[in-house]
């Protein structure tokens, strides 16, 4: 199992609007690729500035994740470009289940 984790720190005033947009547009986009097997959303509780959420997208294996990268990541990144620094700061990690 491969987990692509997208974490975002959002200005407090924008957090609700941004979260709804992520649920409506971004997660919808990822699900439409039919390459993920699941996703989860977490709110980071020990954040001192703004509001931080982590989105985890689960892929069956590295080959499916690479397919997502080659076929959809450009549009995924463009979609995330709707909200940019300093209002929203993104970082990501790629994890492999052991």
N, C-alpha and C. Protein backbone atom coordinates (compact mmCIF):
# COMPACT_ATOMS: atom_id res chain seq x y z
N UNK A 1 0.86 -1.17 0.00
CA UNK A 1 0.00 0.00 0.00
C UNK A 1 0.90 1.23 0.00
N UNK A 2 0.58 2.18 -0.85
CA UNK A 2 1.28 3.46 -0.93
C UNK A 2 0.32 4.54 -0.47
N UNK A 3 0.81 5.45 0.37
CA UNK A 3 -0.02 6.54 0.87
C UNK A 3 0.64 7.86 0.48
N UNK A 4 -0.07 8.63 -0.32
CA UNK A 4 0.36 9.98 -0.66
C UNK A 4 -0.33 10.91 0.34
N UNK A 5 0.48 11.64 1.09
CA UNK A 5 -0.06 12.52 2.12
C UNK A 5 0.16 13.97 1.71
N UNK A 6 -0.93 14.71 1.65
CA UNK A 6 -0.89 16.14 1.37
C UNK A 6 -1.29 16.87 2.64
N UNK A 7 -0.39 17.69 3.14
CA UNK A 7 -0.66 18.45 4.35
C UNK A 7 -0.69 19.92 3.98
N UNK A 8 -1.65 20.64 4.55
CA UNK A 8 -1.80 22.06 4.24
C UNK A 8 -2.03 22.85 5.52
N UNK A 9 -1.33 23.96 5.65
CA UNK A 9 -1.57 24.91 6.73
C UNK A 9 -2.30 26.09 6.11
N UNK A 10 -3.47 26.42 6.67
CA UNK A 10 -4.37 27.40 6.10
C UNK A 10 -4.60 28.52 7.09
N UNK A 11 -4.67 29.77 6.58
CA UNK A 11 -5.05 30.90 7.44
C UNK A 11 -6.40 30.58 8.08
N UNK A 12 -6.53 30.90 9.35
CA UNK A 12 -7.73 30.59 10.11
C UNK A 12 -8.99 31.11 9.44
N UNK A 13 -8.94 32.33 8.90
CA UNK A 13 -10.13 32.94 8.29
C UNK A 13 -10.59 32.20 7.05
N UNK A 14 -9.70 31.49 6.41
CA UNK A 14 -10.00 30.81 5.15
C UNK A 14 -10.27 29.31 5.34
N UNK A 15 -10.02 28.78 6.51
CA UNK A 15 -9.98 27.33 6.74
C UNK A 15 -11.28 26.62 6.36
N UNK A 16 -12.42 27.12 6.76
CA UNK A 16 -13.69 26.44 6.46
C UNK A 16 -13.97 26.41 4.96
N UNK A 17 -13.79 27.55 4.31
CA UNK A 17 -14.00 27.63 2.86
C UNK A 17 -13.04 26.69 2.13
N UNK A 18 -11.78 26.69 2.53
CA UNK A 18 -10.77 25.84 1.90
C UNK A 18 -11.10 24.36 2.08
N UNK A 19 -11.47 23.97 3.29
CA UNK A 19 -11.79 22.56 3.56
C UNK A 19 -12.97 22.11 2.71
N UNK A 20 -13.99 22.92 2.59
CA UNK A 20 -15.14 22.56 1.76
C UNK A 20 -14.73 22.41 0.30
N UNK A 21 -13.87 23.31 -0.18
CA UNK A 21 -13.37 23.23 -1.55
C UNK A 21 -12.56 21.94 -1.76
N UNK A 22 -11.75 21.59 -0.79
CA UNK A 22 -10.98 20.35 -0.89
C UNK A 22 -11.91 19.15 -1.01
N UNK A 23 -12.94 19.13 -0.18
CA UNK A 23 -13.88 18.02 -0.21
C UNK A 23 -14.67 17.97 -1.52
N UNK A 24 -15.11 19.13 -1.98
CA UNK A 24 -15.97 19.19 -3.17
C UNK A 24 -15.19 19.01 -4.47
N UNK A 25 -14.04 19.65 -4.57
CA UNK A 25 -13.33 19.69 -5.85
C UNK A 25 -12.13 18.75 -5.91
N UNK A 26 -11.24 18.86 -4.94
CA UNK A 26 -9.99 18.12 -5.01
C UNK A 26 -10.20 16.63 -4.78
N UNK A 27 -10.90 16.27 -3.73
CA UNK A 27 -11.15 14.85 -3.48
C UNK A 27 -11.98 14.26 -4.61
N UNK A 28 -12.93 15.01 -5.09
CA UNK A 28 -13.74 14.55 -6.22
C UNK A 28 -12.85 14.26 -7.43
N UNK A 29 -11.92 15.17 -7.71
CA UNK A 29 -10.98 14.97 -8.83
C UNK A 29 -10.19 13.67 -8.65
N UNK A 30 -9.62 13.49 -7.46
CA UNK A 30 -8.80 12.30 -7.21
C UNK A 30 -9.64 11.03 -7.33
N UNK A 31 -10.83 11.04 -6.79
CA UNK A 31 -11.70 9.86 -6.87
C UNK A 31 -12.09 9.53 -8.31
N UNK A 32 -12.28 10.55 -9.12
CA UNK A 32 -12.65 10.32 -10.52
C UNK A 32 -11.56 9.61 -11.31
N UNK A 33 -10.31 9.69 -10.86
CA UNK A 33 -9.24 8.96 -11.55
C UNK A 33 -9.40 7.46 -11.38
N UNK A 34 -10.12 7.05 -10.36
CA UNK A 34 -10.34 5.64 -10.03
C UNK A 34 -9.05 4.89 -9.74
N UNK A 35 -8.03 5.61 -9.28
CA UNK A 35 -6.74 5.00 -8.97
C UNK A 35 -6.51 4.83 -7.47
N UNK A 36 -7.26 5.55 -6.66
CA UNK A 36 -7.10 5.41 -5.22
C UNK A 36 -8.08 4.37 -4.69
N UNK A 37 -7.65 3.70 -3.61
CA UNK A 37 -8.54 2.71 -3.00
C UNK A 37 -9.27 3.30 -1.79
N UNK A 38 -8.76 4.43 -1.27
CA UNK A 38 -9.38 5.07 -0.12
C UNK A 38 -8.73 6.43 0.08
N UNK A 39 -9.34 7.23 0.92
CA UNK A 39 -8.72 8.48 1.37
C UNK A 39 -9.20 8.75 2.78
N UNK A 40 -8.42 9.55 3.49
CA UNK A 40 -8.78 9.96 4.85
C UNK A 40 -8.37 11.42 5.03
N UNK A 41 -9.12 12.11 5.88
CA UNK A 41 -8.83 13.51 6.20
C UNK A 41 -8.60 13.60 7.70
N UNK A 42 -7.53 14.30 8.08
CA UNK A 42 -7.22 14.51 9.49
C UNK A 42 -6.98 15.99 9.75
N UNK A 43 -7.39 16.44 10.90
CA UNK A 43 -7.05 17.79 11.36
C UNK A 43 -5.90 17.65 12.35
N UNK A 44 -4.85 18.43 12.16
CA UNK A 44 -3.71 18.41 13.06
C UNK A 44 -4.07 19.21 14.31
N UNK A 45 -3.94 18.60 15.46
CA UNK A 45 -4.39 19.23 16.71
C UNK A 45 -3.31 20.05 17.40
N UNK A 46 -2.06 19.77 17.13
CA UNK A 46 -0.99 20.49 17.83
C UNK A 46 -0.37 21.58 16.98
N UNK A 47 -1.19 22.30 16.23
CA UNK A 47 -0.72 23.39 15.38
C UNK A 47 -0.96 24.71 16.10
N UNK A 48 0.04 25.58 16.08
CA UNK A 48 -0.07 26.86 16.78
C UNK A 48 -0.44 28.02 15.88
N UNK A 49 -0.26 27.88 14.59
CA UNK A 49 -0.56 28.96 13.66
C UNK A 49 -1.48 28.47 12.56
N UNK A 50 -2.59 29.13 12.38
CA UNK A 50 -3.52 28.71 11.35
C UNK A 50 -4.19 27.39 11.70
N UNK A 51 -4.69 26.73 10.67
CA UNK A 51 -5.34 25.43 10.80
C UNK A 51 -4.63 24.50 9.83
N UNK A 52 -4.33 23.28 10.28
CA UNK A 52 -3.62 22.33 9.43
C UNK A 52 -4.43 21.06 9.27
N UNK A 53 -4.54 20.62 8.00
CA UNK A 53 -5.21 19.38 7.67
C UNK A 53 -4.25 18.49 6.90
N UNK A 54 -4.42 17.19 7.05
CA UNK A 54 -3.67 16.21 6.28
C UNK A 54 -4.66 15.32 5.55
N UNK A 55 -4.42 15.17 4.26
CA UNK A 55 -5.23 14.30 3.41
C UNK A 55 -4.36 13.13 3.00
N UNK A 56 -4.85 11.93 3.20
CA UNK A 56 -4.12 10.74 2.82
C UNK A 56 -4.87 10.03 1.70
N UNK A 57 -4.17 9.82 0.60
CA UNK A 57 -4.73 9.11 -0.55
C UNK A 57 -4.00 7.78 -0.67
N UNK A 58 -4.77 6.68 -0.65
CA UNK A 58 -4.21 5.34 -0.63
C UNK A 58 -4.23 4.74 -2.04
N UNK A 59 -3.06 4.24 -2.45
CA UNK A 59 -2.90 3.58 -3.75
C UNK A 59 -2.52 2.12 -3.52
N UNK A 60 -3.00 1.25 -4.36
CA UNK A 60 -2.76 -0.18 -4.23
C UNK A 60 -1.27 -0.51 -4.17
N UNK A 61 -0.49 0.13 -5.06
CA UNK A 61 0.95 -0.12 -5.10
C UNK A 61 1.65 1.05 -5.79
N UNK A 62 2.96 0.97 -5.85
CA UNK A 62 3.76 2.05 -6.41
C UNK A 62 3.47 2.26 -7.89
N UNK A 63 3.10 1.21 -8.59
CA UNK A 63 2.81 1.32 -10.02
C UNK A 63 1.56 2.15 -10.27
N UNK A 64 0.55 1.95 -9.44
CA UNK A 64 -0.68 2.74 -9.57
C UNK A 64 -0.40 4.19 -9.19
N UNK A 65 0.39 4.41 -8.15
CA UNK A 65 0.76 5.77 -7.78
C UNK A 65 1.51 6.46 -8.92
N UNK A 66 2.45 5.76 -9.54
CA UNK A 66 3.19 6.35 -10.67
C UNK A 66 2.27 6.65 -11.85
N UNK A 67 1.26 5.84 -12.03
CA UNK A 67 0.26 6.11 -13.06
C UNK A 67 -0.48 7.40 -12.74
N UNK A 68 -0.84 7.58 -11.48
CA UNK A 68 -1.48 8.83 -11.06
C UNK A 68 -0.56 10.01 -11.36
N UNK A 69 0.73 9.86 -11.03
CA UNK A 69 1.68 10.94 -11.29
C UNK A 69 1.74 11.28 -12.78
N UNK A 70 1.89 10.28 -13.59
CA UNK A 70 2.08 10.54 -15.03
C UNK A 70 0.81 11.04 -15.71
N UNK A 71 -0.34 10.57 -15.26
CA UNK A 71 -1.59 10.91 -15.95
C UNK A 71 -2.36 12.08 -15.33
N UNK A 72 -2.20 12.32 -14.03
CA UNK A 72 -3.10 13.25 -13.35
C UNK A 72 -2.43 14.30 -12.46
N UNK A 73 -1.17 14.12 -12.13
CA UNK A 73 -0.56 15.01 -11.14
C UNK A 73 -0.48 16.45 -11.62
N UNK A 74 -0.28 16.67 -12.90
CA UNK A 74 -0.22 18.04 -13.43
C UNK A 74 -1.55 18.77 -13.17
N UNK A 75 -2.66 18.11 -13.44
CA UNK A 75 -3.98 18.73 -13.20
C UNK A 75 -4.27 18.84 -11.70
N UNK A 76 -3.82 17.86 -10.94
CA UNK A 76 -3.97 17.89 -9.48
C UNK A 76 -3.24 19.12 -8.91
N UNK A 77 -2.02 19.32 -9.34
CA UNK A 77 -1.23 20.47 -8.88
C UNK A 77 -1.86 21.80 -9.30
N UNK A 78 -2.35 21.83 -10.52
CA UNK A 78 -3.01 23.05 -11.01
C UNK A 78 -4.26 23.36 -10.18
N UNK A 79 -5.00 22.35 -9.83
CA UNK A 79 -6.19 22.52 -9.00
C UNK A 79 -5.81 23.11 -7.64
N UNK A 80 -4.75 22.56 -7.04
CA UNK A 80 -4.30 23.07 -5.74
C UNK A 80 -3.81 24.51 -5.84
N UNK A 81 -3.44 24.95 -7.02
CA UNK A 81 -2.96 26.31 -7.22
C UNK A 81 -4.02 27.38 -7.01
N UNK A 82 -5.25 26.98 -6.81
CA UNK A 82 -6.31 27.96 -6.54
C UNK A 82 -6.02 28.72 -5.25
N UNK A 83 -5.46 28.04 -4.27
CA UNK A 83 -5.09 28.66 -3.00
C UNK A 83 -3.58 28.53 -2.85
N UNK A 84 -2.90 29.66 -2.69
CA UNK A 84 -1.45 29.67 -2.67
C UNK A 84 -0.92 30.42 -1.45
N UNK A 85 0.39 30.29 -1.21
CA UNK A 85 0.99 31.05 -0.10
C UNK A 85 0.75 32.54 -0.30
N UNK A 86 0.59 33.29 0.75
CA UNK A 86 0.76 32.90 2.14
C UNK A 86 -0.52 32.37 2.80
N UNK A 87 -1.65 32.35 2.08
CA UNK A 87 -2.90 31.88 2.68
C UNK A 87 -2.88 30.39 2.98
N UNK A 88 -2.27 29.61 2.09
CA UNK A 88 -2.19 28.16 2.25
C UNK A 88 -0.79 27.71 1.87
N UNK A 89 -0.19 26.88 2.71
CA UNK A 89 1.12 26.31 2.42
C UNK A 89 0.97 24.79 2.43
N UNK A 90 1.42 24.15 1.34
CA UNK A 90 1.30 22.70 1.19
C UNK A 90 2.66 22.03 1.34
N UNK A 91 2.64 20.80 1.83
CA UNK A 91 3.77 19.91 1.66
C UNK A 91 3.24 18.49 1.59
N UNK A 92 4.03 17.60 1.01
CA UNK A 92 3.55 16.24 0.86
C UNK A 92 4.63 15.23 1.20
N UNK A 93 4.18 14.02 1.49
CA UNK A 93 5.07 12.89 1.74
C UNK A 93 4.49 11.67 1.05
N UNK A 94 5.36 10.73 0.76
CA UNK A 94 4.95 9.48 0.17
C UNK A 94 5.37 8.38 1.13
N UNK A 95 4.41 7.56 1.52
CA UNK A 95 4.65 6.51 2.52
C UNK A 95 4.36 5.15 1.91
N UNK A 96 5.08 4.15 2.41
CA UNK A 96 4.81 2.77 2.02
C UNK A 96 4.49 1.98 3.27
N UNK A 97 3.38 1.27 3.24
CA UNK A 97 2.99 0.44 4.37
C UNK A 97 3.94 -0.75 4.46
N UNK A 98 4.39 -1.02 5.67
CA UNK A 98 5.31 -2.13 5.92
C UNK A 98 4.53 -3.32 6.49
